Protein backbone atom coordinates (compact mmCIF):
# COMPACT_ATOMS: atom_id res chain seq x y z
CA UNK A 1 1.46 31.92 -6.11
CA UNK A 2 1.77 35.57 -7.02
CA UNK A 3 4.96 37.39 -6.03
CA UNK A 4 4.47 39.32 -2.81
CA UNK A 5 1.27 37.46 -1.94
CA UNK A 6 1.15 36.87 1.83
CA UNK A 7 -1.00 33.75 1.48
CA UNK A 8 0.70 30.57 0.30
CA UNK A 9 -1.75 27.94 1.51
CA UNK A 10 -5.25 27.32 2.76
CA UNK A 11 -3.75 27.22 6.26
CA UNK A 12 -2.41 30.77 5.80
CA UNK A 13 -5.85 31.92 4.67
CA UNK A 14 -7.58 30.28 7.63
CA UNK A 15 -5.05 31.86 10.01
CA UNK A 16 -5.66 35.29 8.47
CA UNK A 17 -9.41 34.85 8.80
CA UNK A 18 -9.13 33.83 12.45
CA UNK A 19 -7.04 36.93 13.30
CA UNK A 20 -9.79 39.03 11.71
CA UNK A 21 -12.48 37.23 13.70
CA UNK A 22 -14.03 35.71 10.58
CA UNK A 23 -15.55 32.27 11.13
CA UNK A 24 -14.50 29.71 8.53
CA UNK A 25 -16.66 26.79 7.55
CA UNK A 26 -16.07 23.26 8.79
CA UNK A 27 -15.51 22.31 5.15
CA UNK A 28 -12.45 24.56 4.85
CA UNK A 29 -11.02 23.51 8.20
CA UNK A 30 -11.51 19.83 7.33
CA UNK A 31 -9.96 20.33 3.89
CA UNK A 32 -6.94 21.94 5.48
CA UNK A 33 -6.54 18.98 7.85
CA UNK A 34 -6.18 16.49 4.99
CA UNK A 35 -2.59 15.50 4.40
CA UNK A 36 -1.58 15.07 0.75
CA UNK A 37 -0.74 11.49 -0.06
CA UNK A 38 1.94 12.08 -2.69
CA UNK A 39 3.34 8.60 -2.20
CA UNK A 40 -0.02 6.81 -2.10
CA UNK A 41 -0.56 4.63 -5.20
CA UNK A 42 -4.33 5.20 -5.35
CA UNK A 43 -3.89 8.97 -5.06
CA UNK A 44 -1.34 8.99 -7.87
CA UNK A 45 -3.55 6.75 -10.01
CA UNK A 46 -6.45 9.17 -9.57
CA UNK A 47 -4.23 12.09 -10.56
CA UNK A 48 -3.13 10.19 -13.66
CA UNK A 49 -6.73 9.40 -14.61
CA UNK A 50 -7.73 13.04 -14.17
CA UNK A 51 -4.88 14.03 -16.51
CA UNK A 52 -6.05 11.39 -19.02
CA UNK A 53 -9.62 12.71 -18.82
CA UNK A 54 -8.42 16.25 -19.47
CA UNK A 55 -6.26 15.21 -22.44
CA UNK A 56 -8.98 12.97 -23.91
CA UNK A 57 -11.67 15.63 -23.59
CA UNK A 58 -9.45 18.32 -25.12
CA UNK A 59 -8.41 16.03 -28.02
CA UNK A 60 -12.01 14.93 -28.65
CA UNK A 61 -13.29 18.51 -28.73
CA UNK A 62 -10.50 19.49 -31.13
CA UNK A 63 -11.02 16.44 -33.37
CA UNK A 64 -14.76 17.05 -33.66
CA UNK A 65 -14.35 20.84 -33.85
CA UNK A 66 -16.53 21.34 -30.79
CA UNK A 67 -16.25 24.74 -29.14
CA UNK A 68 -18.63 24.09 -26.23
CA UNK A 69 -20.09 21.04 -24.57
CA UNK A 70 -23.59 21.49 -23.20
CA UNK A 71 -25.08 19.16 -20.60
CA UNK A 72 -27.58 19.27 -17.71
CA UNK A 73 -26.27 20.84 -14.53
CA UNK A 74 -27.63 17.96 -12.47
CA UNK A 75 -29.54 14.74 -12.99
CA UNK A 76 -31.52 14.99 -9.75
CA UNK A 77 -33.69 18.09 -9.43
CA UNK A 78 -34.06 18.51 -5.70
CA UNK A 79 -31.92 17.31 -2.82
CA UNK A 80 -33.44 17.95 0.61
CA UNK A 81 -31.44 20.34 2.77
CA UNK A 82 -30.96 17.49 5.24
CA UNK A 83 -29.10 15.47 2.56
CA UNK A 84 -25.97 17.56 3.09
CA UNK A 85 -24.82 16.98 -0.50
CA UNK A 86 -26.15 17.57 -3.98
CA UNK A 87 -26.22 14.14 -5.64
CA UNK A 88 -25.83 13.62 -9.36
CA UNK A 89 -24.24 16.97 -10.15
CA UNK A 90 -22.33 17.21 -13.42
CA UNK A 91 -20.21 20.22 -12.48
CA UNK A 92 -17.46 17.78 -11.56
CA UNK A 93 -16.42 17.70 -15.24
CA UNK A 94 -15.23 21.31 -15.08
CA UNK A 95 -13.70 20.78 -11.64
CA UNK A 96 -11.68 17.75 -12.67
CA UNK A 97 -10.49 19.05 -16.01
CA UNK A 98 -9.97 22.66 -15.00
CA UNK A 99 -11.81 23.71 -18.17
CA UNK A 100 -13.93 26.86 -17.92
CA UNK A 101 -17.68 26.38 -17.58
CA UNK A 102 -20.74 28.51 -17.01
CA UNK A 103 -24.18 27.58 -15.75
CA UNK A 104 -27.16 28.97 -17.63
CA UNK A 105 -30.84 28.90 -16.56
CA UNK A 106 -32.98 26.94 -19.01
CA UNK A 107 -36.32 26.64 -17.24
CA UNK A 108 -38.16 25.50 -14.15
CA UNK A 109 -39.33 22.09 -13.06
CA UNK A 110 -42.95 21.34 -12.40
CA UNK A 111 -44.02 21.36 -8.78
CA UNK A 112 -43.44 18.35 -6.56
CA UNK A 113 -44.06 17.55 -2.92
CA UNK A 114 -40.43 18.43 -2.15
CA UNK A 115 -40.53 21.62 -4.26
CA UNK A 116 -44.10 22.98 -4.48
CA UNK A 117 -42.97 26.00 -6.53
CA UNK A 118 -40.67 23.96 -8.76
CA UNK A 119 -36.94 24.55 -8.97
CA UNK A 120 -34.74 26.29 -11.51
CA UNK A 121 -33.18 24.00 -14.08
CA UNK A 122 -29.75 24.84 -15.39
CA UNK A 123 -27.31 23.57 -17.93
CA UNK A 124 -23.55 23.71 -18.00
CA UNK A 125 -21.62 25.01 -20.95
CA UNK A 126 -18.02 23.75 -20.89
CA UNK A 127 -15.29 25.20 -23.08
CA UNK A 128 -11.67 24.48 -23.74
CA UNK A 129 -8.94 26.28 -21.82
CA UNK A 130 -8.90 30.05 -22.42
CA UNK A 131 -12.38 30.07 -24.02
CA UNK A 132 -14.02 32.15 -21.30
CA UNK A 133 -15.05 34.92 -23.71
CA UNK A 134 -16.71 32.40 -26.04
CA UNK A 135 -18.55 30.88 -23.05
CA UNK A 136 -19.74 34.27 -21.81
CA UNK A 137 -20.94 35.27 -25.29
CA UNK A 138 -22.81 32.00 -25.78
CA UNK A 139 -24.40 32.19 -22.32
CA UNK A 140 -25.50 35.78 -22.86
CA UNK A 141 -26.95 34.96 -26.29
CA UNK A 142 -28.87 31.99 -24.88
CA UNK A 143 -30.20 33.96 -21.90
CA UNK A 144 -31.31 36.77 -24.21
CA UNK A 145 -33.02 34.27 -26.50
CA UNK A 146 -34.79 32.24 -23.81
CA UNK A 147 -35.49 35.03 -21.29
CA UNK A 148 -36.14 32.49 -18.52
CA UNK A 149 -34.42 34.13 -15.56
CA UNK A 150 -36.89 34.89 -12.77
CA UNK A 151 -36.40 36.60 -9.47
CA UNK A 152 -37.40 34.50 -6.44
CA UNK A 153 -40.95 35.08 -5.21
CA UNK A 154 -39.52 36.65 -2.06
CA UNK A 155 -37.71 39.38 -4.02
CA UNK A 156 -39.44 42.75 -3.58
CA UNK A 157 -40.29 44.73 -6.72
CA UNK A 158 -37.75 47.33 -7.81
């Protein structure tokens, strides 16, 4: 929390939005309704395992002198809108560890019945804490090298 910041919790933020007439998503309202289970053994075990993952990943990257890990953004190309979730996404690594990551476009899939125009394919680049500048530089260099970014077909010409 920053000194003088009027918002201390998600509940404060939701209250501020409602006074401004801004509709908040069901996701945020549901997240705010969850009570923390600080005394729940499974909850504490999960927190401990997340801390172990973070420490192990950081130590492994240091031991092997790895600046960035690169991996596919997702293992499943297209999830129908009706699915409600995006299965097999690898972005959870950055979420769990708190390490910085950036997604970079690396191509397009071939067409399928579910995606007749194909879909963009991305990869994650994950760095160690405070390596944001290295991540941005690497992502920019890769994008400049590959030149794969495409505007959607519905984008009017500039």
